[in-house]
Amino acid sequence: MFTFAHEGGHALHTVLSYESQPFVTSGYANFVAEVASTSNERFLLEHLLQKTSDSKERFLLLQHAVDAIVRTFYTQVMFADFELQAHKLAEEGRC
């Protein structure tokens, strides 16, 4: 469900970008794209937490949320570093 919510956030972001901007300016950076998708995951988490009173289920949901936050932060930092290194190599004419 969380993957579906995440990807649905990307889809909604793209649809709204295309509807509200000219195509040539409707694109967005990867970092910005993650805002909509991770927000959607958070909305799902809040919904599921409100629906359950089972302490084990709540624990697993919260554990998933913490793991997702760490994973997303780490991944975005790695993407940014990769892009920085690639641009440096391109500017030096090494790729």
Protein backbone atom coordinates (compact mmCIF):
# COMPACT_ATOMS: atom_id res chain seq x y z
CA MET A 1 0.00 0.00 0.00
CA PHE A 2 2.80 2.40 0.79
CA THR A 3 4.43 1.85 -2.59
CA PHE A 4 1.09 2.46 -4.30
CA ALA A 5 0.61 5.68 -2.28
CA HIS A 6 4.17 6.78 -3.10
CA GLU A 7 3.82 6.22 -6.83
CA GLY A 8 0.33 7.74 -6.79
CA GLY A 9 1.90 10.90 -5.36
CA HIS A 10 4.29 11.04 -8.32
CA ALA A 11 1.40 10.53 -10.74
CA LEU A 12 -0.75 13.21 -9.13
CA HIS A 13 2.18 15.64 -9.05
CA THR A 14 2.80 15.11 -12.76
CA VAL A 15 -0.87 15.46 -13.71
CA LEU A 16 -1.23 18.68 -11.72
CA SER A 17 2.03 20.05 -13.14
CA TYR A 18 0.92 19.35 -16.70
CA GLU A 19 -2.52 20.86 -16.08
CA SER A 20 -1.29 24.07 -14.49
CA GLN A 21 1.87 24.84 -16.48
CA PRO A 22 3.01 24.86 -20.08
CA PHE A 23 4.65 21.55 -20.97
CA VAL A 24 8.05 23.18 -21.40
CA THR A 25 8.08 24.32 -17.74
CA SER A 26 6.08 21.49 -16.17
CA GLY A 27 9.09 19.32 -15.34
CA TYR A 28 10.56 19.18 -11.85
CA ALA A 29 13.71 18.00 -10.10
CA ASN A 30 13.88 14.59 -8.41
CA PHE A 31 14.13 16.23 -5.01
CA VAL A 32 10.86 18.12 -5.59
CA ALA A 33 9.17 14.97 -6.92
CA GLU A 34 9.73 13.24 -3.59
CA VAL A 35 7.70 15.86 -1.72
CA ALA A 36 4.39 14.74 -3.23
CA SER A 37 5.16 11.04 -3.01
CA THR A 38 6.39 11.06 0.59
CA SER A 39 3.48 13.31 1.61
CA ASN A 40 1.11 10.74 0.17
CA GLU A 41 2.84 8.02 2.22
CA ARG A 42 2.44 10.16 5.32
CA PHE A 43 -1.29 10.63 4.66
CA LEU A 44 -1.66 6.85 4.37
CA LEU A 45 0.32 6.32 7.59
CA GLU A 46 -1.91 8.75 9.49
CA HIS A 47 -5.02 7.03 8.14
CA LEU A 48 -3.80 3.55 9.11
CA LEU A 49 -2.71 4.71 12.57
CA GLN A 50 -6.16 6.18 13.19
CA LYS A 51 -7.85 2.93 12.13
CA THR A 52 -5.96 0.56 14.43
CA SER A 53 -5.67 0.17 18.17
CA ASP A 54 -3.46 -2.92 17.92
CA SER A 55 -0.13 -2.00 19.53
CA LYS A 56 1.83 -4.45 17.35
CA GLU A 57 0.33 -3.06 14.16
CA ARG A 58 1.00 0.51 15.31
CA PHE A 59 4.60 -0.42 16.10
CA LEU A 60 5.11 -1.94 12.65
CA LEU A 61 3.54 1.07 10.94
CA LEU A 62 5.77 3.46 12.85
CA GLN A 63 8.83 1.29 12.20
CA HIS A 64 8.01 1.35 8.48
CA ALA A 65 7.68 5.15 8.61
CA VAL A 66 11.06 5.61 10.31
CA ASP A 67 12.73 3.24 7.84
CA ALA A 68 11.15 5.11 4.92
CA ILE A 69 12.33 8.48 6.24
CA VAL A 70 15.91 7.25 6.67
CA ARG A 71 15.88 5.46 3.31
CA THR A 72 14.46 8.48 1.45
CA PHE A 73 16.90 10.90 3.07
CA TYR A 74 19.88 8.66 2.34
CA THR A 75 18.78 8.01 -1.25
CA GLN A 76 18.24 11.68 -2.02
CA VAL A 77 21.67 12.59 -0.64
CA MET A 78 23.25 9.86 -2.75
CA PHE A 79 21.42 11.08 -5.89
CA ALA A 80 22.55 14.64 -5.24
CA ASP A 81 26.16 13.54 -4.76
CA PHE A 82 26.04 11.41 -7.92
CA GLU A 83 24.72 14.35 -9.95
CA LEU A 84 27.39 16.65 -8.50
CA GLN A 85 30.18 14.20 -9.34
CA ALA A 86 28.79 13.60 -12.86
CA HIS A 87 28.60 17.32 -13.57
CA LYS A 88 32.15 17.85 -12.30
CA LEU A 89 33.44 15.10 -14.58
CA ALA A 90 31.52 16.55 -17.54
CA GLU A 91 32.89 20.04 -16.87
CA GLU A 92 36.41 18.61 -16.78
CA GLY A 93 35.74 16.78 -20.05
CA ARG A 94 36.33 13.39 -18.44
CA CYS A 95 33.10 11.72 -19.53
